Amino acid sequence: MDLIAGLGDLVFDAIYLGILTARGLKPLSRLEYPIDETVLGWLSAQGLLTAVVTRVARNGARVHHLALSRDADLLSRYCAEFDRQPLRGETPGVIRREAHYFGYPACCAEAYIRTPHAPNHLTAAEQALFYHRACPGCRVTPRLIPAYRAALIEAQAVWRSTTSEESQQSGTDLTEMVRRSRSVENGI
């Protein structure tokens, strides 16, 4: 069975986010791209609850996101706050609320509000593990590196076990796949 179906980077990203969320490293995650039933079933098998959140773009188009969490109450609160609401962009209030839901350190959210993409002390490979930008001098994010690396290795194993040999031989570095897929989850 080939989970990739032409969307390798996004499927890998869904697996990685699923593992981070299932292991409690992220309280809630959001997929901003379609996934097939196989991936949805895999997320469910990890103990994750899912809900479709529909947002309204400025042009009136409806945008569907899949929220996932182990915590039904948190998922319900997220849906109540964001379902059927307009996409507001990166306002300070939205950044703070999403940081809370997605498990981003508050110090990083505040730094991002002041200076998006400010340089930090992480290597490019370390920063690529995260869905938030670590703030300069952050004391929280560096402590998460070992757990996020372990999740990345686990995601790599899952991805390899569920994709065709041809997909695996594409030569794409998995850390690079995670780095490129960061644009799919808005936030800091």
C-alpha atoms as a PDB file:
ATOM      1  CA  MET A   1       0.000   0.000   0.000  1.00  0.00           C
ATOM      2  CA  ASP A   2       1.396   3.395  -0.959  1.00  0.00           C
ATOM      3  CA  LEU A   3       0.383   6.099   1.526  1.00  0.00           C
ATOM      4  CA  ILE A   4       2.263   8.699  -0.471  1.00  0.00           C
ATOM      5  CA  ALA A   5      -0.080   8.913  -3.460  1.00  0.00           C
ATOM      6  CA  GLY A   6       1.925  11.795  -4.901  1.00  0.00           C
ATOM      7  CA  LEU A   7       1.882  13.820  -1.681  1.00  0.00           C
ATOM      8  CA  GLY A   8       4.959  12.411   0.065  1.00  0.00           C
ATOM      9  CA  ASP A   9       5.994  15.540   1.915  1.00  0.00           C
ATOM     10  CA  LEU A  10       2.480  16.175   3.203  1.00  0.00           C
ATOM     11  CA  VAL A  11       1.890  12.561   4.207  1.00  0.00           C
ATOM     12  CA  PHE A  12       5.194  12.513   6.066  1.00  0.00           C
ATOM     13  CA  ASP A  13       4.239  15.805   7.720  1.00  0.00           C
ATOM     14  CA  ALA A  14       0.878  14.330   8.803  1.00  0.00           C
ATOM     15  CA  ILE A  15       2.661  11.308  10.275  1.00  0.00           C
ATOM     16  CA  TYR A  16       5.186  13.511  12.097  1.00  0.00           C
ATOM     17  CA  LEU A  17       2.477  15.817  13.473  1.00  0.00           C
ATOM     18  CA  GLY A  18       0.419  12.770  14.448  1.00  0.00           C
ATOM     19  CA  ILE A  19       3.309  11.306  16.418  1.00  0.00           C
ATOM     20  CA  LEU A  20       4.110  14.632  18.104  1.00  0.00           C
ATOM     21  CA  THR A  21       0.469  14.990  19.117  1.00  0.00           C
ATOM     22  CA  ALA A  22      -0.084  11.354  20.115  1.00  0.00           C
ATOM     23  CA  ARG A  23       3.037  11.471  22.317  1.00  0.00           C
ATOM     24  CA  GLY A  24       1.825  14.659  24.012  1.00  0.00           C
ATOM     25  CA  LEU A  25       4.582  16.899  22.661  1.00  0.00           C
ATOM     26  CA  LYS A  26       1.925  19.019  20.978  1.00  0.00           C
ATOM     27  CA  PRO A  27      -1.492  19.245  22.662  1.00  0.00           C
ATOM     28  CA  LEU A  28      -3.222  19.900  19.333  1.00  0.00           C
ATOM     29  CA  SER A  29      -2.132  20.006  15.713  1.00  0.00           C
ATOM     30  CA  ARG A  30      -3.710  21.233  12.514  1.00  0.00           C
ATOM     31  CA  LEU A  31      -3.350  19.850   9.014  1.00  0.00           C
ATOM     32  CA  GLU A  32      -4.056  22.422   6.320  1.00  0.00           C
ATOM     33  CA  TYR A  33      -4.097  19.955   3.455  1.00  0.00           C
ATOM     34  CA  PRO A  34      -6.227  16.965   2.484  1.00  0.00           C
ATOM     35  CA  ILE A  35      -5.291  13.505   3.683  1.00  0.00           C
ATOM     36  CA  ASP A  36      -6.649  10.193   2.524  1.00  0.00           C
ATOM     37  CA  GLU A  37      -8.644   7.697   4.573  1.00  0.00           C
ATOM     38  CA  THR A  38      -5.555   5.562   5.189  1.00  0.00           C
ATOM     39  CA  VAL A  39      -3.730   8.415   6.912  1.00  0.00           C
ATOM     40  CA  LEU A  40      -6.882   9.377   8.806  1.00  0.00           C
ATOM     41  CA  GLY A  41      -7.202   5.775  10.006  1.00  0.00           C
ATOM     42  CA  TRP A  42      -3.554   5.764  11.068  1.00  0.00           C
ATOM     43  CA  LEU A  43      -4.075   8.969  13.089  1.00  0.00           C
ATOM     44  CA  SER A  44      -7.097   7.413  14.780  1.00  0.00           C
ATOM     45  CA  ALA A  45      -5.097   4.264  15.577  1.00  0.00           C
ATOM     46  CA  GLN A  46      -2.626   6.525  17.420  1.00  0.00           C
ATOM     47  CA  GLY A  47      -5.432   7.529  19.787  1.00  0.00           C
ATOM     48  CA  LEU A  48      -6.017  10.893  18.163  1.00  0.00           C
ATOM     49  CA  LEU A  49      -9.406  12.504  17.870  1.00  0.00           C
ATOM     50  CA  THR A  50     -10.022  14.615  14.794  1.00  0.00           C
ATOM     51  CA  ALA A  51     -12.383  17.375  13.758  1.00  0.00           C
ATOM     52  CA  VAL A  52     -12.763  19.343  10.553  1.00  0.00           C
ATOM     53  CA  VAL A  53     -12.561  23.081  11.124  1.00  0.00           C
ATOM     54  CA  THR A  54     -13.880  25.275   8.331  1.00  0.00           C
ATOM     55  CA  ARG A  55     -12.416  28.762   8.055  1.00  0.00           C
ATOM     56  CA  VAL A  56     -13.518  31.554   5.747  1.00  0.00           C
ATOM     57  CA  ALA A  57     -10.897  33.282   3.590  1.00  0.00           C
ATOM     58  CA  ARG A  58     -11.097  36.987   2.743  1.00  0.00           C
ATOM     59  CA  ASN A  59     -12.475  36.139  -0.703  1.00  0.00           C
ATOM     60  CA  GLY A  60     -15.280  34.110   0.893  1.00  0.00           C
ATOM     61  CA  ALA A  61     -13.800  30.717   0.027  1.00  0.00           C
ATOM     62  CA  ARG A  62     -14.135  28.028   2.651  1.00  0.00           C
ATOM     63  CA  VAL A  63     -10.885  26.468   3.823  1.00  0.00           C
ATOM     64  CA  HIS A  64     -10.973  23.124   5.620  1.00  0.00           C
ATOM     65  CA  HIS A  65      -8.399  22.137   8.232  1.00  0.00           C
ATOM     66  CA  LEU A  66      -8.170  18.917  10.195  1.00  0.00           C
ATOM     67  CA  ALA A  67      -7.512  19.452  13.895  1.00  0.00           C
ATOM     68  CA  LEU A  68      -6.186  16.534  15.917  1.00  0.00           C
ATOM     69  CA  SER A  69      -5.651  16.000  19.616  1.00  0.00           C
ATOM     70  CA  ARG A  70      -5.749  13.352  22.335  1.00  0.00           C
ATOM     71  CA  ASP A  71      -7.816  15.743  24.469  1.00  0.00           C
ATOM     72  CA  ALA A  72     -11.502  15.920  23.489  1.00  0.00           C
ATOM     73  CA  ASP A  73     -12.094  19.065  25.564  1.00  0.00           C
ATOM     74  CA  LEU A  74      -9.162  20.905  23.996  1.00  0.00           C
ATOM     75  CA  LEU A  75     -10.285  19.858  20.519  1.00  0.00           C
ATOM     76  CA  SER A  76     -13.807  21.058  21.292  1.00  0.00           C
ATOM     77  CA  ARG A  77     -12.529  24.430  22.555  1.00  0.00           C
ATOM     78  CA  TYR A  78     -10.368  24.876  19.462  1.00  0.00           C
ATOM     79  CA  CYS A  79     -13.315  24.093  17.194  1.00  0.00           C
ATOM     80  CA  ALA A  80     -15.595  26.464  19.101  1.00  0.00           C
ATOM     81  CA  GLU A  81     -13.053  29.264  18.757  1.00  0.00           C
ATOM     82  CA  PHE A  82     -12.019  28.799  15.126  1.00  0.00           C
ATOM     83  CA  ASP A  83     -14.728  26.864  13.232  1.00  0.00           C
ATOM     84  CA  ARG A  84     -16.631  29.056  10.762  1.00  0.00           C
ATOM     85  CA  GLN A  85     -14.476  32.029  11.687  1.00  0.00           C
ATOM     86  CA  PRO A  86     -12.604  34.207   9.204  1.00  0.00           C
ATOM     87  CA  LEU A  87      -8.913  33.638   8.636  1.00  0.00           C
ATOM     88  CA  ARG A  88      -7.483  36.661  10.421  1.00  0.00           C
ATOM     89  CA  GLY A  89      -3.817  36.348   9.618  1.00  0.00           C
ATOM     90  CA  GLU A  90      -1.079  36.637  12.158  1.00  0.00           C
ATOM     91  CA  THR A  91      -2.499  39.107  14.654  1.00  0.00           C
ATOM     92  CA  PRO A  92      -0.954  39.074  18.131  1.00  0.00           C
ATOM     93  CA  GLY A  93      -4.146  37.618  19.607  1.00  0.00           C
ATOM     94  CA  VAL A  94      -4.317  34.785  17.073  1.00  0.00           C
ATOM     95  CA  ILE A  95      -0.606  34.029  17.519  1.00  0.00           C
ATOM     96  CA  ARG A  96      -1.015  33.789  21.301  1.00  0.00           C
ATOM     97  CA  ARG A  97      -4.126  31.582  21.091  1.00  0.00           C
ATOM     98  CA  GLU A  98      -2.629  29.272  18.492  1.00  0.00           C
ATOM     99  CA  ALA A  99       0.612  29.063  20.490  1.00  0.00           C
ATOM    100  CA  HIS A 100      -1.452  27.841  23.437  1.00  0.00           C
ATOM    101  CA  TYR A 101      -3.328  25.238  21.386  1.00  0.00           C
ATOM    102  CA  PHE A 102      -0.282  24.010  19.454  1.00  0.00           C
ATOM    103  CA  GLY A 103       2.032  23.868  22.473  1.00  0.00           C
ATOM    104  CA  TYR A 104       4.416  26.616  21.432  1.00  0.00           C
ATOM    105  CA  PRO A 105       6.334  28.203  24.326  1.00  0.00           C
ATOM    106  CA  ALA A 106       4.802  31.549  25.312  1.00  0.00           C
ATOM    107  CA  CYS A 107       8.242  33.206  25.196  1.00  0.00           C
ATOM    108  CA  CYS A 108       8.593  32.159  21.554  1.00  0.00           C
ATOM    109  CA  ALA A 109       5.123  33.453  20.675  1.00  0.00           C
ATOM    110  CA  GLU A 110       5.835  36.830  22.269  1.00  0.00           C
ATOM    111  CA  ALA A 111       9.205  37.096  20.521  1.00  0.00           C
ATOM    112  CA  TYR A 112       7.583  36.196  17.195  1.00  0.00           C
ATOM    113  CA  ILE A 113       4.987  38.937  17.691  1.00  0.00           C
ATOM    114  CA  ARG A 114       7.784  41.475  18.275  1.00  0.00           C
ATOM    115  CA  THR A 115      10.258  40.220  15.642  1.00  0.00           C
ATOM    116  CA  PRO A 116       9.189  37.352  13.373  1.00  0.00           C
ATOM    117  CA  HIS A 117      12.006  35.012  12.416  1.00  0.00           C
ATOM    118  CA  ALA A 118      14.544  36.618  14.742  1.00  0.00           C
ATOM    119  CA  PRO A 119      17.830  34.706  14.790  1.00  0.00           C
ATOM    120  CA  ASN A 120      18.169  32.133  17.546  1.00  0.00           C
ATOM    121  CA  HIS A 121      20.859  29.803  18.820  1.00  0.00           C
ATOM    122  CA  LEU A 122      19.465  26.598  17.262  1.00  0.00           C
ATOM    123  CA  THR A 123      21.106  24.978  14.273  1.00  0.00           C
ATOM    124  CA  ALA A 124      19.050  24.848  11.085  1.00  0.00           C
ATOM    125  CA  ALA A 125      18.472  21.115  11.638  1.00  0.00           C
ATOM    126  CA  GLU A 126      17.260  21.729  15.199  1.00  0.00           C
ATOM    127  CA  GLN A 127      14.926  24.564  14.166  1.00  0.00           C
ATOM    128  CA  ALA A 128      13.523  22.378  11.372  1.00  0.00           C
ATOM    129  CA  LEU A 129      12.180  19.944  13.976  1.00  0.00           C
ATOM    130  CA  PHE A 130       9.689  22.522  15.240  1.00  0.00           C
ATOM    131  CA  TYR A 131       6.526  24.168  13.991  1.00  0.00           C
ATOM    132  CA  HIS A 132       7.350  27.348  15.896  1.00  0.00           C
ATOM    133  CA  ARG A 133      10.309  29.687  15.696  1.00  0.00           C
ATOM    134  CA  ALA A 134      12.437  29.384  18.842  1.00  0.00           C
ATOM    135  CA  CYS A 135      13.036  32.763  20.404  1.00  0.00           C
ATOM    136  CA  PRO A 136      16.534  34.106  20.998  1.00  0.00           C
ATOM    137  CA  GLY A 137      17.816  32.614  24.252  1.00  0.00           C
ATOM    138  CA  CYS A 138      14.850  30.233  24.617  1.00  0.00           C
ATOM    139  CA  ARG A 139      15.170  27.853  27.547  1.00  0.00           C
ATOM    140  CA  VAL A 140      12.144  25.698  26.671  1.00  0.00           C
ATOM    141  CA  THR A 141      12.638  24.724  23.022  1.00  0.00           C
ATOM    142  CA  PRO A 142      16.171  23.273  23.392  1.00  0.00           C
ATOM    143  CA  ARG A 143      14.894  20.872  26.068  1.00  0.00           C
ATOM    144  CA  LEU A 144      12.384  19.523  23.520  1.00  0.00           C
ATOM    145  CA  ILE A 145      14.994  18.646  20.884  1.00  0.00           C
ATOM    146  CA  PRO A 146      15.621  15.027  22.017  1.00  0.00           C
ATOM    147  CA  ALA A 147      11.897  14.200  22.095  1.00  0.00           C
ATOM    148  CA  TYR A 148      11.263  15.848  18.722  1.00  0.00           C
ATOM    149  CA  ARG A 149      14.243  14.012  17.207  1.00  0.00           C
ATOM    150  CA  ALA A 150      12.848  10.725  18.536  1.00  0.00           C
ATOM    151  CA  ALA A 151       9.456  11.591  17.005  1.00  0.00           C
ATOM    152  CA  LEU A 152      11.145  12.368  13.685  1.00  0.00           C
ATOM    153  CA  ILE A 153      12.913   8.995  13.724  1.00  0.00           C
ATOM    154  CA  GLU A 154       9.624   7.270  14.566  1.00  0.00           C
ATOM    155  CA  ALA A 155       7.870   9.141  11.750  1.00  0.00           C
ATOM    156  CA  GLN A 156      10.624   8.078   9.374  1.00  0.00           C
ATOM    157  CA  ALA A 157      10.106   4.429  10.362  1.00  0.00           C
ATOM    158  CA  VAL A 158       6.326   4.665   9.930  1.00  0.00           C
ATOM    159  CA  TRP A 159       6.692   6.454   6.610  1.00  0.00           C
ATOM    160  CA  ARG A 160       9.156   3.895   5.310  1.00  0.00           C
ATOM    161  CA  SER A 161       6.995   0.979   6.431  1.00  0.00           C
ATOM    162  CA  THR A 162       3.947   2.327   4.619  1.00  0.00           C
ATOM    163  CA  THR A 163       5.394   3.566   1.343  1.00  0.00           C
ATOM    164  CA  SER A 164       6.582   1.836  -1.755  1.00  0.00           C
ATOM    165  CA  GLU A 165      10.266   1.133  -2.278  1.00  0.00           C
ATOM    166  CA  GLU A 166      10.217   3.551  -5.226  1.00  0.00           C
ATOM    167  CA  SER A 167       8.966   6.374  -3.001  1.00  0.00           C
ATOM    168  CA  GLN A 168      11.662   5.603  -0.439  1.00  0.00           C
ATOM    169  CA  GLN A 169      14.405   5.799  -3.056  1.00  0.00           C
ATOM    170  CA  SER A 170      13.454   9.327  -4.070  1.00  0.00           C
ATOM    171  CA  GLY A 171      16.507  10.550  -2.171  1.00  0.00           C
ATOM    172  CA  THR A 172      14.603  13.193  -0.242  1.00  0.00           C
ATOM    173  CA  ASP A 173      16.123  13.775   3.171  1.00  0.00           C
ATOM    174  CA  LEU A 174      13.384  13.448   5.790  1.00  0.00           C
ATOM    175  CA  THR A 175      14.588  16.438   7.789  1.00  0.00           C
ATOM    176  CA  GLU A 176      14.366  18.465   4.586  1.00  0.00           C
ATOM    177  CA  MET A 177      10.819  17.140   4.064  1.00  0.00           C
ATOM    178  CA  VAL A 178       9.862  18.403   7.512  1.00  0.00           C
ATOM    179  CA  ARG A 179      11.533  21.760   6.854  1.00  0.00           C
ATOM    180  CA  ARG A 180       9.704  22.219   3.527  1.00  0.00           C
ATOM    181  CA  SER A 181       6.374  21.161   4.966  1.00  0.00           C
ATOM    182  CA  ARG A 182       6.467  23.876   7.648  1.00  0.00           C
ATOM    183  CA  SER A 183       4.576  26.215   5.349  1.00  0.00           C
ATOM    184  CA  VAL A 184       1.479  24.040   5.660  1.00  0.00           C
ATOM    185  CA  GLU A 185       0.826  24.824   9.308  1.00  0.00           C
ATOM    186  CA  ASN A 186       0.401  28.536   9.905  1.00  0.00           C
ATOM    187  CA  GLY A 187       1.661  29.851  13.165  1.00  0.00           C
ATOM    188  CA  ILE A 188       4.958  30.868  14.550  1.00  0.00           C
END
